[in-house]
Protein backbone atom coordinates (compact mmCIF):
# COMPACT_ATOMS: atom_id res chain seq x y z
CA UNK A 1 0.00 0.00 0.00
CA UNK A 2 1.46 3.34 -1.11
CA UNK A 3 0.70 6.88 -0.01
CA UNK A 4 0.31 9.56 -2.61
CA UNK A 5 -0.05 13.30 -2.09
CA UNK A 6 -2.31 14.91 -4.62
CA UNK A 7 -5.18 17.34 -5.01
CA UNK A 8 -8.58 15.70 -4.99
CA UNK A 9 -11.97 17.03 -5.82
CA UNK A 10 -13.84 17.17 -2.48
CA UNK A 11 -16.66 15.29 -4.19
CA UNK A 12 -14.41 12.19 -4.29
CA UNK A 13 -15.54 11.42 -0.77
CA UNK A 14 -19.06 10.93 -2.04
CA UNK A 15 -17.91 7.83 -3.89
CA UNK A 16 -16.31 6.24 -0.82
CA UNK A 17 -18.04 3.91 1.57
CA UNK A 18 -17.02 5.41 4.91
CA UNK A 19 -16.55 8.94 6.15
CA UNK A 20 -14.85 9.67 9.47
CA UNK A 21 -13.77 13.19 10.45
CA UNK A 22 -12.83 14.22 6.95
CA UNK A 23 -11.38 10.82 6.06
CA UNK A 24 -13.15 8.75 3.44
CA UNK A 25 -12.30 5.10 3.03
CA UNK A 26 -13.36 2.77 0.27
CA UNK A 27 -13.41 -0.88 1.28
CA UNK A 28 -14.33 -2.26 -2.11
CA UNK A 29 -11.97 -5.05 -3.25
CA UNK A 30 -9.01 -3.76 -5.20
CA UNK A 31 -5.73 -5.37 -6.17
CA UNK A 32 -3.84 -2.13 -5.78
CA UNK A 33 -4.94 0.25 -3.02
CA UNK A 34 -3.56 3.73 -2.64
CA UNK A 35 -4.14 6.26 0.12
CA UNK A 36 -4.52 9.89 -0.94
CA UNK A 37 -3.89 12.82 1.35
CA UNK A 38 -5.41 16.00 0.01
CA UNK A 39 -6.08 19.18 1.95
CA UNK A 40 -6.41 17.37 5.26
CA UNK A 41 -8.39 14.36 4.02
CA UNK A 42 -7.52 10.74 3.35
CA UNK A 43 -9.25 8.59 0.80
CA UNK A 44 -8.58 5.10 -0.49
CA UNK A 45 -8.47 4.66 -4.25
CA UNK A 46 -6.93 2.43 -6.86
CA UNK A 47 -4.04 3.78 -8.91
CA UNK A 48 -1.37 2.25 -11.09
CA UNK A 49 1.50 4.18 -9.51
CA UNK A 50 2.36 6.74 -6.87
CA UNK A 51 3.01 10.21 -8.17
CA UNK A 52 4.67 12.34 -5.46
CA UNK A 53 6.39 10.75 -2.41
CA UNK A 54 5.88 12.17 1.09
CA UNK A 55 8.51 12.30 3.80
CA UNK A 56 9.06 8.98 5.52
CA UNK A 57 7.74 10.00 8.92
CA UNK A 58 4.48 11.35 7.51
CA UNK A 59 4.20 8.23 5.37
CA UNK A 60 4.58 5.96 8.37
CA UNK A 61 2.03 7.86 10.45
CA UNK A 62 -0.50 8.04 7.67
CA UNK A 63 -0.04 4.36 6.89
CA UNK A 64 -0.76 3.38 10.50
CA UNK A 65 -3.77 5.67 10.67
CA UNK A 66 -5.19 4.35 7.43
CA UNK A 67 -4.75 0.73 8.45
CA UNK A 68 -6.43 1.43 11.77
CA UNK A 69 -9.38 3.10 10.08
CA UNK A 70 -9.65 0.33 7.50
CA UNK A 71 -9.79 -2.26 10.26
CA UNK A 72 -12.43 -0.25 12.13
CA UNK A 73 -14.45 0.24 8.98
CA UNK A 74 -14.32 -3.41 8.04
CA UNK A 75 -15.35 -4.41 11.52
CA UNK A 76 -18.22 -1.96 11.46
CA UNK A 77 -19.43 -3.43 8.18
CA UNK A 78 -19.07 -7.05 9.22
CA UNK A 79 -22.29 -9.13 9.39
CA UNK A 80 -22.01 -9.47 13.13
CA UNK A 81 -22.33 -5.68 13.54
CA UNK A 82 -25.14 -5.07 11.03
CA UNK A 83 -28.50 -4.38 12.63
CA UNK A 84 -30.89 -7.23 12.16
CA UNK A 85 -33.83 -4.84 11.99
CA UNK A 86 -35.77 -4.74 8.72
CA UNK A 87 -36.72 -1.13 7.78
CA UNK A 88 -39.85 -2.36 5.99
CA UNK A 89 -40.98 -4.21 9.14
CA UNK A 90 -40.33 -1.10 11.24
CA UNK A 91 -42.34 1.07 8.82
CA UNK A 92 -45.21 -1.41 8.81
CA UNK A 93 -45.43 -1.59 12.58
CA UNK A 94 -45.24 2.20 12.90
CA UNK A 95 -47.95 2.60 10.28
CA UNK A 96 -50.22 0.09 12.01
CA UNK A 97 -49.71 1.94 15.27
CA UNK A 98 -50.49 5.26 13.57
CA UNK A 99 -53.65 3.87 11.95
CA UNK A 100 -54.78 2.54 15.31
CA UNK A 101 -54.19 5.91 16.97
CA UNK A 102 -56.05 7.69 14.18
CA UNK A 103 -59.06 5.42 14.65
CA UNK A 104 -59.11 6.42 18.32
CA UNK A 105 -59.05 10.12 17.46
CA UNK A 106 -55.48 10.62 18.63
CA UNK A 107 -54.54 12.30 15.37
CA UNK A 108 -51.59 14.35 16.52
CA UNK A 109 -49.75 11.23 17.69
CA UNK A 110 -50.95 9.28 14.67
CA UNK A 111 -49.67 11.83 12.15
CA UNK A 112 -46.25 11.87 13.76
CA UNK A 113 -45.95 8.14 13.01
CA UNK A 114 -47.74 8.10 9.66
CA UNK A 115 -45.72 10.93 8.10
CA UNK A 116 -42.52 8.98 8.74
CA UNK A 117 -43.70 5.47 7.94
CA UNK A 118 -46.31 5.73 5.17
CA UNK A 119 -43.95 6.74 2.31
CA UNK A 120 -41.78 3.65 2.99
CA UNK A 121 -44.58 1.08 2.99
CA UNK A 122 -44.50 -1.66 0.36
CA UNK A 123 -47.77 -3.47 1.05
CA UNK A 124 -50.41 -1.82 -1.13
CA UNK A 125 -53.34 -2.18 1.24
CA UNK A 126 -51.33 -0.92 4.18
CA UNK A 127 -50.28 2.13 2.12
CA UNK A 128 -53.95 2.70 1.31
CA UNK A 129 -55.00 2.60 4.97
CA UNK A 130 -52.04 4.69 6.11
CA UNK A 131 -52.57 7.50 3.60
CA UNK A 132 -56.33 7.52 4.15
CA UNK A 133 -55.71 7.94 7.87
CA UNK A 134 -53.14 10.63 7.09
CA UNK A 135 -55.60 12.61 4.95
CA UNK A 136 -58.39 12.44 7.51
CA UNK A 137 -56.22 13.28 10.49
CA UNK A 138 -54.46 16.09 8.64
CA UNK A 139 -57.81 17.73 7.87
CA UNK A 140 -58.91 17.44 11.48
CA UNK A 141 -55.70 19.21 12.55
CA UNK A 142 -55.96 21.82 9.77
CA UNK A 143 -52.80 20.54 8.08
CA UNK A 144 -54.17 21.08 4.58
CA UNK A 145 -50.90 20.57 2.71
CA UNK A 146 -50.42 17.14 4.27
CA UNK A 147 -54.03 16.19 3.54
CA UNK A 148 -53.81 17.24 -0.12
CA UNK A 149 -50.50 15.43 -0.64
CA UNK A 150 -52.00 12.24 0.79
CA UNK A 151 -55.07 12.55 -1.44
CA UNK A 152 -52.97 13.16 -4.54
CA UNK A 153 -51.04 9.96 -3.85
CA UNK A 154 -54.24 8.00 -3.17
CA UNK A 155 -55.84 9.21 -6.39
CA UNK A 156 -52.70 8.29 -8.31
CA UNK A 157 -52.33 4.79 -6.83
CA UNK A 158 -56.06 4.02 -6.37
CA UNK A 159 -57.70 6.16 -9.09
CA UNK A 160 -61.15 4.51 -9.14
CA UNK A 161 -61.55 3.58 -5.50
CA UNK A 162 -64.96 4.82 -4.25
CA UNK A 163 -63.71 5.69 -0.77
CA UNK A 164 -60.78 7.66 -2.19
CA UNK A 165 -63.11 9.60 -4.48
CA UNK A 166 -65.60 10.18 -1.68
CA UNK A 167 -62.91 11.36 0.74
CA UNK A 168 -61.42 13.60 -1.96
CA UNK A 169 -64.82 15.19 -2.53
CA UNK A 170 -65.32 15.78 1.17
CA UNK A 171 -61.85 17.21 1.70
CA UNK A 172 -61.83 19.50 -1.34
CA UNK A 173 -65.34 20.71 -0.51
CA UNK A 174 -64.22 21.47 3.02
CA UNK A 175 -61.15 23.32 1.73
CA UNK A 176 -63.33 25.35 -0.64
CA UNK A 177 -65.71 26.19 2.19
CA UNK A 178 -62.87 27.29 4.44
CA UNK A 179 -61.37 29.46 1.71
CA UNK A 180 -64.75 31.07 1.05
CA UNK A 181 -65.18 31.82 4.73
CA UNK A 182 -61.70 33.32 4.90
CA UNK A 183 -62.46 35.49 1.87
CA UNK A 184 -65.73 36.70 3.35
CA UNK A 185 -64.05 37.49 6.66
CA UNK A 186 -60.94 39.21 5.33
CA UNK A 187 -62.22 40.95 2.17
CA UNK A 188 -66.02 41.13 2.33
CA UNK A 189 -66.25 44.10 -0.06
CA UNK A 190 -63.91 42.68 -2.70
CA UNK A 191 -65.23 41.76 -6.13
CA UNK A 192 -64.02 38.21 -5.51
CA UNK A 193 -66.37 37.91 -2.53
CA UNK A 194 -69.17 39.28 -4.67
CA UNK A 195 -68.39 36.83 -7.45
CA UNK A 196 -68.57 33.91 -5.04
CA UNK A 197 -72.01 35.10 -3.95
CA UNK A 198 -73.15 35.44 -7.57
CA UNK A 199 -71.88 31.98 -8.45
CA UNK A 200 -73.73 30.59 -5.45
CA UNK A 201 -76.95 32.13 -6.79
CA UNK A 202 -76.20 30.55 -10.18
CA UNK A 203 -75.71 27.11 -8.68
CA UNK A 204 -79.04 27.47 -6.89
CA UNK A 205 -80.75 28.32 -10.18
CA UNK A 206 -81.49 31.86 -9.02
CA UNK A 207 -80.38 33.56 -12.23
CA UNK A 208 -82.00 36.93 -11.56
CA UNK A 209 -80.12 37.42 -8.28
CA UNK A 210 -76.93 36.24 -9.96
CA UNK A 211 -77.33 38.84 -12.72
CA UNK A 212 -77.88 41.60 -10.16
CA UNK A 213 -74.78 40.56 -8.21
CA UNK A 214 -72.59 40.33 -11.34
CA UNK A 215 -73.70 43.80 -12.42
CA UNK A 216 -72.80 45.15 -8.97
CA UNK A 217 -69.28 43.85 -9.51
CA UNK A 218 -69.07 45.65 -12.86
CA UNK A 219 -70.35 48.84 -11.24
CA UNK A 220 -67.55 48.51 -8.72
CA UNK A 221 -64.91 47.72 -11.36
CA UNK A 222 -65.92 47.61 -15.06
CA UNK A 223 -62.65 45.95 -16.06
CA UNK A 224 -62.97 42.76 -14.03
CA UNK A 225 -62.25 39.83 -16.33
CA UNK A 226 -64.76 36.98 -16.62
CA UNK A 227 -67.89 38.75 -15.37
CA UNK A 228 -69.32 39.65 -18.77
CA UNK A 229 -68.67 36.06 -19.85
CA UNK A 230 -70.68 34.66 -16.95
CA UNK A 231 -73.51 37.09 -17.63
CA UNK A 232 -73.55 35.96 -21.25
CA UNK A 233 -73.86 32.33 -20.20
CA UNK A 234 -76.77 33.16 -17.90
CA UNK A 235 -78.60 34.92 -20.74
CA UNK A 236 -78.10 31.88 -22.97
CA UNK A 237 -79.46 29.59 -20.26
CA UNK A 238 -82.70 31.53 -19.98
CA UNK A 239 -85.87 30.08 -21.50
CA UNK A 240 -86.04 31.18 -24.22
CA UNK A 241 -82.33 32.08 -24.65
CA UNK A 242 -81.59 35.79 -24.77
CA UNK A 243 -79.08 35.48 -27.61
CA UNK A 244 -78.64 39.18 -28.31
CA UNK A 245 -77.96 40.05 -24.66
CA UNK A 246 -75.53 37.14 -24.47
CA UNK A 247 -73.79 38.25 -27.65
CA UNK A 248 -73.32 41.74 -26.20
CA UNK A 249 -71.82 40.36 -23.00
CA UNK A 250 -69.38 38.05 -24.81
CA UNK A 251 -68.27 40.93 -27.04
CA UNK A 252 -67.70 43.10 -23.94
CA UNK A 253 -65.67 40.30 -22.37
CA UNK A 254 -63.38 40.21 -25.40
CA UNK A 255 -62.77 43.95 -25.07
CA UNK A 256 -61.47 43.34 -21.56
CA UNK A 257 -59.69 40.07 -22.34
CA UNK A 258 -59.06 39.50 -26.07
CA UNK A 259 -57.52 36.09 -25.28
CA UNK A 260 -60.70 34.62 -23.84
CA UNK A 261 -61.18 31.56 -26.05
CA UNK A 262 -64.43 30.62 -24.32
CA UNK A 263 -66.05 33.95 -25.20
CA UNK A 264 -64.98 33.50 -28.83
CA UNK A 265 -66.43 30.00 -28.81
CA UNK A 266 -69.78 31.16 -27.41
CA UNK A 267 -70.04 33.86 -30.07
CA UNK A 268 -69.35 31.18 -32.65
CA UNK A 269 -72.05 28.97 -31.16
CA UNK A 270 -74.60 31.77 -31.27
CA UNK A 271 -73.75 32.33 -34.95
CA UNK A 272 -73.88 28.59 -35.71
CA UNK A 273 -77.29 28.21 -34.09
CA UNK A 274 -78.47 31.11 -36.30
CA UNK A 275 -77.04 29.49 -39.42
CA UNK A 276 -74.49 32.26 -39.86
CA UNK A 277 -71.73 29.92 -40.99
CA UNK A 278 -69.05 32.41 -41.98
CA UNK A 279 -69.31 34.28 -38.69
CA UNK A 280 -69.32 31.00 -36.79
CA UNK A 281 -66.20 29.81 -38.63
CA UNK A 282 -64.43 33.06 -37.80
CA UNK A 283 -65.11 32.78 -34.06
CA UNK A 284 -64.40 29.03 -33.80
CA UNK A 285 -61.17 29.46 -35.73
CA UNK A 286 -60.01 32.19 -33.34
CA UNK A 287 -61.02 30.09 -30.32
CA UNK A 288 -58.95 27.12 -31.54
CA UNK A 289 -55.94 29.38 -32.09
CA UNK A 290 -56.23 31.04 -28.69
CA UNK A 291 -56.45 27.67 -26.95
CA UNK A 292 -54.93 24.81 -28.95
CA UNK A 293 -56.32 22.30 -26.49
CA UNK A 294 -59.91 23.54 -26.89
CA UNK A 295 -61.32 20.31 -28.32
CA UNK A 296 -64.91 21.48 -28.85
CA UNK A 297 -63.68 24.42 -30.92
CA UNK A 298 -62.18 22.07 -33.52
CA UNK A 299 -65.41 20.04 -33.76
CA UNK A 300 -67.60 23.15 -34.00
CA UNK A 301 -65.29 24.64 -36.62
CA UNK A 302 -65.42 21.46 -38.72
CA UNK A 303 -69.21 21.22 -38.39
CA UNK A 304 -69.64 24.84 -39.43
CA UNK A 305 -67.37 24.39 -42.44
CA UNK A 306 -69.32 21.27 -43.45
CA UNK A 307 -72.57 23.20 -43.11
CA UNK A 308 -71.10 26.00 -45.25
CA UNK A 309 -70.19 23.45 -47.94
CA UNK A 310 -66.45 23.94 -47.37
CA UNK A 311 -65.75 20.25 -46.95
CA UNK A 312 -62.06 20.27 -47.85
CA UNK A 313 -61.44 23.01 -45.22
CA UNK A 314 -63.37 21.00 -42.63
CA UNK A 315 -61.04 17.99 -42.82
CA UNK A 316 -58.06 19.45 -40.89
CA UNK A 317 -59.95 20.65 -37.77
CA UNK A 318 -62.02 17.46 -37.70
CA UNK A 319 -58.88 15.32 -37.95
CA UNK A 320 -57.50 17.25 -34.98
CA UNK A 321 -60.68 16.63 -33.04
CA UNK A 322 -60.83 12.86 -33.62
CA UNK A 323 -57.19 12.60 -32.56
CA UNK A 324 -58.05 14.33 -29.30
CA UNK A 325 -61.43 12.62 -28.83
CA UNK A 326 -61.34 9.28 -30.66
CA UNK A 327 -64.30 7.98 -28.66
CA UNK A 328 -66.78 10.66 -29.77
CA UNK A 329 -69.03 9.38 -32.58
CA UNK A 330 -69.87 12.94 -33.69
CA UNK A 331 -66.29 13.66 -34.71
CA UNK A 332 -66.04 10.54 -36.86
CA UNK A 333 -69.43 11.25 -38.44
CA UNK A 334 -68.50 14.81 -39.38
CA UNK A 335 -65.10 13.73 -40.71
CA UNK A 336 -66.73 10.94 -42.73
CA UNK A 337 -69.06 13.53 -44.24
CA UNK A 338 -66.14 15.77 -45.20
CA UNK A 339 -64.24 12.83 -46.73
CA UNK A 340 -67.27 11.61 -48.64
CA UNK A 341 -68.02 15.04 -50.10
CA UNK A 342 -64.42 15.44 -51.29
CA UNK A 343 -64.29 12.07 -53.05
CA UNK A 344 -62.23 10.23 -50.44
CA UNK A 345 -64.47 7.18 -50.22
CA UNK A 346 -62.08 4.74 -48.39
CA UNK A 347 -61.42 7.31 -45.64
CA UNK A 348 -65.13 8.05 -45.37
CA UNK A 349 -65.96 4.35 -44.95
CA UNK A 350 -63.25 4.00 -42.32
CA UNK A 351 -64.61 6.95 -40.34
CA UNK A 352 -68.17 5.62 -40.53
CA UNK A 353 -66.94 2.28 -39.18
CA UNK A 354 -65.21 4.13 -36.35
CA UNK A 355 -68.39 6.14 -35.77
CA UNK A 356 -70.46 2.97 -35.38
CA UNK A 357 -67.84 1.43 -33.09
CA UNK A 358 -67.69 4.55 -30.92
CA UNK A 359 -71.49 4.78 -30.81
CA UNK A 360 -71.72 1.19 -29.61
CA UNK A 361 -69.31 1.94 -26.78
CA UNK A 362 -70.82 5.32 -25.98
CA UNK A 363 -74.59 5.29 -26.64
CA UNK A 364 -75.01 8.75 -25.08
CA UNK A 365 -72.69 10.21 -27.71
CA UNK A 366 -74.36 8.41 -30.59
CA UNK A 367 -76.25 11.48 -31.81
CA UNK A 368 -73.65 11.98 -34.51
CA UNK A 369 -75.03 14.83 -36.59
CA UNK A 370 -75.53 17.27 -33.65
């Protein structure tokens, strides 16, 4: 064993197996071990030859120290000294204890155990029980971040489990309720508080009160984004629909926020329902450009182009739609129509076959023409 003085990257220690007061030792088998001394640290490495000799006394002292540390390290890593405890067993027992405490309502103690043990669990059902207990206890202790993280994991690992979905609904509803209460308490005169009240009226079907509340917000601040859009939707939901009032509101929304793809789409839908194909195409085209993931805009654009007799122009947006929504029979039907009217019979037959297949799987979406 030789001793070599050199300059080492401090990160070398990260590749060694043992670290002791600045000394890193590597006990991996090697036919030619060298000890390096660099800026107060020793490390064991394999080299073909020593580069710079050190004075004999220093060499002797370093050699003895290195041998001593090697012996200590090897002893520490011997089977007799390795703990017989299995980390997985420890995590399981801690998790079971935490679940038991949670069931007894001792959530503070339970969370202390579950936070440490649950991420290391291997057994799927035990993970399920541990994270469910974590979510419920965290909510009871107002630890919302912990609760949400647990629910995200549960929804990822158990995506269709009824209890996970039910608990998620309860937790997210509770979080929404708490946030609404905080908003009402801290900023009762803000337009956001007013918008929450208006949306509550909407959900209750009280459209008249919702309209009044939305207009109050605009009186307070005419430039608030999204309010004209919501008013427009209410007017369209009236019986009969108040299309002209809705159209005015959507146009006003676009003055405030020209990038509102939904407002463009709704203007296109009003035009399509009125048979104004060119105007509909213009709005749907803008909506699809503003939001490239706006699936319905591609379908509506293709349908409007088909209705306008522009079948070749309809193909591209309809192809985009069926790629995004291959299970919707309406998309395949409209694309088949465009293919058929442009002389592409094989493609039209293929799309009609896909339309029938999709309709069989999704009877509710079988009303292809729309």
